Amino acid sequence: MRTSLLFQFLVLAGCAPRRSTLLEQRAATYVFHRSAAEVEVTVDAYFSELGFEWDAPGPDGVHPTAWKEVYGEWEFATVYQRYFILIRAKGPRHSTVEVVKLTRTTSRMETYHPQAPSGVGRDTKDVSPEQEMGKGVAPLPAGPPVAKRALDVEWELIRRLEPTRAAALEQRLDATTASR
């Protein structure tokens, strides 16, 4: 009874977990009724559809994608993403998938510098207001990359590989939340 009252209170207060959050929590512990090889084919196709390229897999079985620009303009502010995917065999016909997303943001280019024609010294008296400014070499990071488990991607893989089981989980979740 307490759980029901607590859930009702959270719903009334607007604090109840969203449906997508509850589905993603199920994805975190999901075991596919497919071999690791079958899962790997779908993972490869999914990330290829998103436009990601693959880096060489690590010795620990982790399959990393290359960094991909997903938003912004290179000189001003850009968001890059990459994924690390671990597919574990849990027997000949069962496997799990863990996906971690890294997001890296840049804020701007390195400082622009006046370009001096060759042969001209580097003294400030040699720089004029009409002189072109040279671009910096690379964007500056806005902080360290942020790593987060990509449960939304894991749920999408469940929907692609096992649509019947995914639909059953969604129906069960809907029935549970509706009864509370």
C-alpha atoms as a PDB file:
ATOM      1  CA  MET A   1       0.000   0.000   0.000  1.00  0.00           C
ATOM      2  CA  ARG A   2       2.858   2.391   0.783  1.00  0.00           C
ATOM      3  CA  THR A   3       4.355   1.993  -2.658  1.00  0.00           C
ATOM      4  CA  SER A   4       1.028   2.786  -4.229  1.00  0.00           C
ATOM      5  CA  LEU A   5       0.548   5.886  -2.052  1.00  0.00           C
ATOM      6  CA  LEU A   6       4.088   7.035  -2.735  1.00  0.00           C
ATOM      7  CA  PHE A   7       3.636   6.544  -6.460  1.00  0.00           C
ATOM      8  CA  GLN A   8       0.328   8.473  -6.395  1.00  0.00           C
ATOM      9  CA  PHE A   9       2.002  11.282  -4.472  1.00  0.00           C
ATOM     10  CA  LEU A  10       4.838  11.440  -7.015  1.00  0.00           C
ATOM     11  CA  VAL A  11       2.351  11.535  -9.890  1.00  0.00           C
ATOM     12  CA  LEU A  12       0.392  14.355  -8.228  1.00  0.00           C
ATOM     13  CA  ALA A  13       3.603  16.226  -7.470  1.00  0.00           C
ATOM     14  CA  GLY A  14       4.824  15.790 -11.049  1.00  0.00           C
ATOM     15  CA  CYS A  15       7.860  13.798  -9.920  1.00  0.00           C
ATOM     16  CA  ALA A  16       6.960  10.347 -11.260  1.00  0.00           C
ATOM     17  CA  PRO A  17       9.537   8.891 -13.607  1.00  0.00           C
ATOM     18  CA  ARG A  18       8.715   9.348 -17.248  1.00  0.00           C
ATOM     19  CA  ARG A  19       7.762   6.287 -19.261  1.00  0.00           C
ATOM     20  CA  SER A  20      10.952   6.526 -21.308  1.00  0.00           C
ATOM     21  CA  THR A  21      13.046   6.565 -18.134  1.00  0.00           C
ATOM     22  CA  LEU A  22      11.365   3.404 -16.884  1.00  0.00           C
ATOM     23  CA  LEU A  23      11.898   1.680 -20.239  1.00  0.00           C
ATOM     24  CA  GLU A  24      15.560   2.683 -20.250  1.00  0.00           C
ATOM     25  CA  GLN A  25      15.976   1.208 -16.772  1.00  0.00           C
ATOM     26  CA  ARG A  26      14.725  -2.101 -18.173  1.00  0.00           C
ATOM     27  CA  ALA A  27      17.260  -1.806 -20.998  1.00  0.00           C
ATOM     28  CA  ALA A  28      20.120  -1.597 -18.465  1.00  0.00           C
ATOM     29  CA  THR A  29      19.602  -5.216 -17.385  1.00  0.00           C
ATOM     30  CA  TYR A  30      18.132  -6.701 -20.552  1.00  0.00           C
ATOM     31  CA  VAL A  31      19.386 -10.063 -21.848  1.00  0.00           C
ATOM     32  CA  PHE A  32      18.930 -10.600 -25.580  1.00  0.00           C
ATOM     33  CA  HIS A  33      17.693 -13.976 -26.767  1.00  0.00           C
ATOM     34  CA  ARG A  34      20.233 -13.732 -29.570  1.00  0.00           C
ATOM     35  CA  SER A  35      23.869 -14.663 -29.984  1.00  0.00           C
ATOM     36  CA  ALA A  36      26.520 -11.994 -29.575  1.00  0.00           C
ATOM     37  CA  ALA A  37      27.270 -12.237 -33.312  1.00  0.00           C
ATOM     38  CA  GLU A  38      23.631 -11.460 -34.211  1.00  0.00           C
ATOM     39  CA  VAL A  39      23.603  -8.505 -31.836  1.00  0.00           C
ATOM     40  CA  GLU A  40      26.872  -7.202 -33.274  1.00  0.00           C
ATOM     41  CA  VAL A  41      25.411  -7.087 -36.803  1.00  0.00           C
ATOM     42  CA  THR A  42      22.481  -4.954 -35.599  1.00  0.00           C
ATOM     43  CA  VAL A  43      24.756  -2.684 -33.536  1.00  0.00           C
ATOM     44  CA  ASP A  44      26.969  -2.125 -36.579  1.00  0.00           C
ATOM     45  CA  ALA A  45      23.970  -1.309 -38.786  1.00  0.00           C
ATOM     46  CA  TYR A  46      22.455   1.057 -36.191  1.00  0.00           C
ATOM     47  CA  PHE A  47      25.596   3.143 -35.749  1.00  0.00           C
ATOM     48  CA  SER A  48      26.256   3.146 -39.500  1.00  0.00           C
ATOM     49  CA  GLU A  49      22.750   4.595 -39.998  1.00  0.00           C
ATOM     50  CA  LEU A  50      23.678   7.356 -37.559  1.00  0.00           C
ATOM     51  CA  GLY A  51      26.804   8.101 -39.607  1.00  0.00           C
ATOM     52  CA  PHE A  52      29.408   6.850 -37.142  1.00  0.00           C
ATOM     53  CA  GLU A  53      32.588   5.130 -38.244  1.00  0.00           C
ATOM     54  CA  TRP A  54      34.357   2.474 -36.209  1.00  0.00           C
ATOM     55  CA  ASP A  55      37.740   2.671 -34.551  1.00  0.00           C
ATOM     56  CA  ALA A  56      39.686  -0.536 -33.989  1.00  0.00           C
ATOM     57  CA  PRO A  57      38.180  -2.664 -31.215  1.00  0.00           C
ATOM     58  CA  GLY A  58      40.081  -2.819 -27.963  1.00  0.00           C
ATOM     59  CA  PRO A  59      41.620  -6.000 -26.526  1.00  0.00           C
ATOM     60  CA  ASP A  60      38.844  -6.051 -23.911  1.00  0.00           C
ATOM     61  CA  GLY A  61      36.141  -6.476 -26.575  1.00  0.00           C
ATOM     62  CA  VAL A  62      34.951  -2.872 -26.476  1.00  0.00           C
ATOM     63  CA  HIS A  63      33.950  -1.533 -29.902  1.00  0.00           C
ATOM     64  CA  PRO A  64      34.525   2.254 -30.067  1.00  0.00           C
ATOM     65  CA  THR A  65      33.134   4.568 -32.703  1.00  0.00           C
ATOM     66  CA  ALA A  66      35.177   7.476 -33.998  1.00  0.00           C
ATOM     67  CA  TRP A  67      34.333  10.996 -32.809  1.00  0.00           C
ATOM     68  CA  LYS A  68      31.558  12.557 -34.866  1.00  0.00           C
ATOM     69  CA  GLU A  69      30.467  16.184 -34.976  1.00  0.00           C
ATOM     70  CA  VAL A  70      26.773  16.227 -34.099  1.00  0.00           C
ATOM     71  CA  TYR A  71      26.118  19.945 -33.668  1.00  0.00           C
ATOM     72  CA  GLY A  72      27.689  23.331 -34.199  1.00  0.00           C
ATOM     73  CA  GLU A  73      30.207  25.146 -36.290  1.00  0.00           C
ATOM     74  CA  TRP A  74      33.830  24.116 -36.039  1.00  0.00           C
ATOM     75  CA  GLU A  75      35.222  27.612 -35.386  1.00  0.00           C
ATOM     76  CA  PHE A  76      32.776  28.685 -32.695  1.00  0.00           C
ATOM     77  CA  ALA A  77      31.085  25.923 -30.726  1.00  0.00           C
ATOM     78  CA  THR A  78      30.781  22.246 -31.548  1.00  0.00           C
ATOM     79  CA  VAL A  79      29.476  19.093 -29.898  1.00  0.00           C
ATOM     80  CA  TYR A  80      31.192  15.800 -30.709  1.00  0.00           C
ATOM     81  CA  GLN A  81      30.046  12.331 -29.700  1.00  0.00           C
ATOM     82  CA  ARG A  82      31.458   8.863 -29.718  1.00  0.00           C
ATOM     83  CA  TYR A  83      30.253   5.571 -28.307  1.00  0.00           C
ATOM     84  CA  PHE A  84      31.846   2.578 -26.634  1.00  0.00           C
ATOM     85  CA  ILE A  85      29.884  -0.646 -27.070  1.00  0.00           C
ATOM     86  CA  LEU A  86      30.475  -3.866 -25.155  1.00  0.00           C
ATOM     87  CA  ILE A  87      28.624  -6.981 -26.321  1.00  0.00           C
ATOM     88  CA  ARG A  88      28.903  -9.914 -23.940  1.00  0.00           C
ATOM     89  CA  ALA A  89      27.932 -13.488 -24.783  1.00  0.00           C
ATOM     90  CA  LYS A  90      25.914 -15.060 -21.968  1.00  0.00           C
ATOM     91  CA  GLY A  91      25.763 -18.430 -23.668  1.00  0.00           C
ATOM     92  CA  PRO A  92      25.318 -19.585 -27.251  1.00  0.00           C
ATOM     93  CA  ARG A  93      21.894 -17.890 -27.653  1.00  0.00           C
ATOM     94  CA  HIS A  94      21.988 -15.050 -25.109  1.00  0.00           C
ATOM     95  CA  SER A  95      23.939 -11.803 -24.863  1.00  0.00           C
ATOM     96  CA  THR A  96      23.936  -8.348 -23.313  1.00  0.00           C
ATOM     97  CA  VAL A  97      24.907  -4.935 -24.634  1.00  0.00           C
ATOM     98  CA  GLU A  98      26.278  -1.941 -22.763  1.00  0.00           C
ATOM     99  CA  VAL A  99      26.610   1.362 -24.586  1.00  0.00           C
ATOM    100  CA  VAL A 100      28.425   4.374 -23.166  1.00  0.00           C
ATOM    101  CA  LYS A 101      28.222   7.755 -24.897  1.00  0.00           C
ATOM    102  CA  LEU A 102      31.009  10.318 -24.609  1.00  0.00           C
ATOM    103  CA  THR A 103      30.153  13.915 -25.414  1.00  0.00           C
ATOM    104  CA  ARG A 104      32.828  16.555 -25.923  1.00  0.00           C
ATOM    105  CA  THR A 105      32.090  20.237 -26.412  1.00  0.00           C
ATOM    106  CA  THR A 106      34.327  22.970 -27.786  1.00  0.00           C
ATOM    107  CA  SER A 107      33.678  26.618 -27.087  1.00  0.00           C
ATOM    108  CA  ARG A 108      35.686  28.440 -29.750  1.00  0.00           C
ATOM    109  CA  MET A 109      38.872  28.342 -31.751  1.00  0.00           C
ATOM    110  CA  GLU A 110      42.230  29.104 -30.277  1.00  0.00           C
ATOM    111  CA  THR A 111      42.922  32.816 -30.226  1.00  0.00           C
ATOM    112  CA  TYR A 112      43.130  34.458 -33.614  1.00  0.00           C
ATOM    113  CA  HIS A 113      46.523  36.033 -34.274  1.00  0.00           C
ATOM    114  CA  PRO A 114      47.612  38.768 -36.644  1.00  0.00           C
ATOM    115  CA  GLN A 115      49.383  37.375 -39.676  1.00  0.00           C
ATOM    116  CA  ALA A 116      52.607  39.163 -40.486  1.00  0.00           C
ATOM    117  CA  PRO A 117      53.886  38.998 -44.053  1.00  0.00           C
ATOM    118  CA  SER A 118      57.128  37.063 -44.255  1.00  0.00           C
ATOM    119  CA  GLY A 119      60.175  39.161 -43.526  1.00  0.00           C
ATOM    120  CA  VAL A 120      58.284  41.498 -41.189  1.00  0.00           C
ATOM    121  CA  GLY A 121      59.228  41.383 -37.525  1.00  0.00           C
ATOM    122  CA  ARG A 122      56.939  40.349 -34.711  1.00  0.00           C
ATOM    123  CA  ASP A 123      56.958  43.740 -33.043  1.00  0.00           C
ATOM    124  CA  THR A 124      53.516  45.306 -32.435  1.00  0.00           C
ATOM    125  CA  LYS A 125      54.512  48.370 -34.525  1.00  0.00           C
ATOM    126  CA  ASP A 126      54.486  46.019 -37.563  1.00  0.00           C
ATOM    127  CA  VAL A 127      50.767  45.170 -37.042  1.00  0.00           C
ATOM    128  CA  SER A 128      48.153  47.383 -38.673  1.00  0.00           C
ATOM    129  CA  PRO A 129      44.356  47.433 -38.115  1.00  0.00           C
ATOM    130  CA  GLU A 130      43.828  46.321 -41.736  1.00  0.00           C
ATOM    131  CA  GLN A 131      46.020  43.268 -41.299  1.00  0.00           C
ATOM    132  CA  GLU A 132      44.305  39.884 -41.659  1.00  0.00           C
ATOM    133  CA  MET A 133      43.880  37.727 -38.581  1.00  0.00           C
ATOM    134  CA  GLY A 134      45.044  34.137 -38.809  1.00  0.00           C
ATOM    135  CA  LYS A 135      42.886  31.375 -37.416  1.00  0.00           C
ATOM    136  CA  GLY A 136      43.855  29.290 -34.460  1.00  0.00           C
ATOM    137  CA  VAL A 137      44.944  25.731 -35.100  1.00  0.00           C
ATOM    138  CA  ALA A 138      42.154  23.833 -33.306  1.00  0.00           C
ATOM    139  CA  PRO A 139      38.986  24.330 -31.260  1.00  0.00           C
ATOM    140  CA  LEU A 140      39.391  24.703 -27.505  1.00  0.00           C
ATOM    141  CA  PRO A 141      37.652  22.154 -25.281  1.00  0.00           C
ATOM    142  CA  ALA A 142      34.905  23.550 -23.050  1.00  0.00           C
ATOM    143  CA  GLY A 143      35.723  20.935 -20.419  1.00  0.00           C
ATOM    144  CA  PRO A 144      36.453  17.239 -20.190  1.00  0.00           C
ATOM    145  CA  PRO A 145      34.336  14.756 -22.140  1.00  0.00           C
ATOM    146  CA  VAL A 146      31.180  13.640 -20.344  1.00  0.00           C
ATOM    147  CA  ALA A 147      30.507   9.892 -20.193  1.00  0.00           C
ATOM    148  CA  LYS A 148      26.997   8.532 -19.714  1.00  0.00           C
ATOM    149  CA  ARG A 149      25.368   5.156 -20.196  1.00  0.00           C
ATOM    150  CA  ALA A 150      23.296   5.413 -23.389  1.00  0.00           C
ATOM    151  CA  LEU A 151      20.207   3.549 -22.227  1.00  0.00           C
ATOM    152  CA  ASP A 152      18.121   5.141 -24.986  1.00  0.00           C
ATOM    153  CA  VAL A 153      20.396   3.478 -27.554  1.00  0.00           C
ATOM    154  CA  GLU A 154      20.214   0.175 -25.689  1.00  0.00           C
ATOM    155  CA  TRP A 155      16.406   0.362 -25.720  1.00  0.00           C
ATOM    156  CA  GLU A 156      16.423   1.090 -29.471  1.00  0.00           C
ATOM    157  CA  LEU A 157      18.584  -1.995 -30.014  1.00  0.00           C
ATOM    158  CA  ILE A 158      16.059  -4.071 -28.046  1.00  0.00           C
ATOM    159  CA  ARG A 159      13.250  -2.712 -30.220  1.00  0.00           C
ATOM    160  CA  ARG A 160      15.171  -3.590 -33.389  1.00  0.00           C
ATOM    161  CA  LEU A 161      16.367  -7.046 -32.380  1.00  0.00           C
ATOM    162  CA  GLU A 162      13.392  -8.268 -30.373  1.00  0.00           C
ATOM    163  CA  PRO A 163      10.348  -6.146 -31.231  1.00  0.00           C
ATOM    164  CA  THR A 164       7.827  -8.615 -29.761  1.00  0.00           C
ATOM    165  CA  ARG A 165       9.575  -8.691 -26.367  1.00  0.00           C
ATOM    166  CA  ALA A 166      10.003  -4.908 -26.446  1.00  0.00           C
ATOM    167  CA  ALA A 167       6.286  -4.424 -27.114  1.00  0.00           C
ATOM    168  CA  ALA A 168       5.422  -6.824 -24.278  1.00  0.00           C
ATOM    169  CA  LEU A 169       7.659  -4.885 -21.879  1.00  0.00           C
ATOM    170  CA  GLU A 170       6.033  -1.612 -22.939  1.00  0.00           C
ATOM    171  CA  GLN A 171       2.539  -3.059 -22.419  1.00  0.00           C
ATOM    172  CA  ARG A 172       3.468  -4.446 -18.996  1.00  0.00           C
ATOM    173  CA  LEU A 173       4.934  -1.097 -17.966  1.00  0.00           C
ATOM    174  CA  ASP A 174       1.855   0.772 -19.211  1.00  0.00           C
ATOM    175  CA  ALA A 175      -0.455  -1.598 -17.316  1.00  0.00           C
ATOM    176  CA  THR A 176       1.597  -1.265 -14.129  1.00  0.00           C
ATOM    177  CA  THR A 177       1.715   2.520 -14.199  1.00  0.00           C
ATOM    178  CA  ALA A 178      -1.977   2.785 -15.142  1.00  0.00           C
ATOM    179  CA  SER A 179      -3.036   0.615 -12.203  1.00  0.00           C
ATOM    180  CA  ARG A 180      -1.248   2.851  -9.733  1.00  0.00           C
END
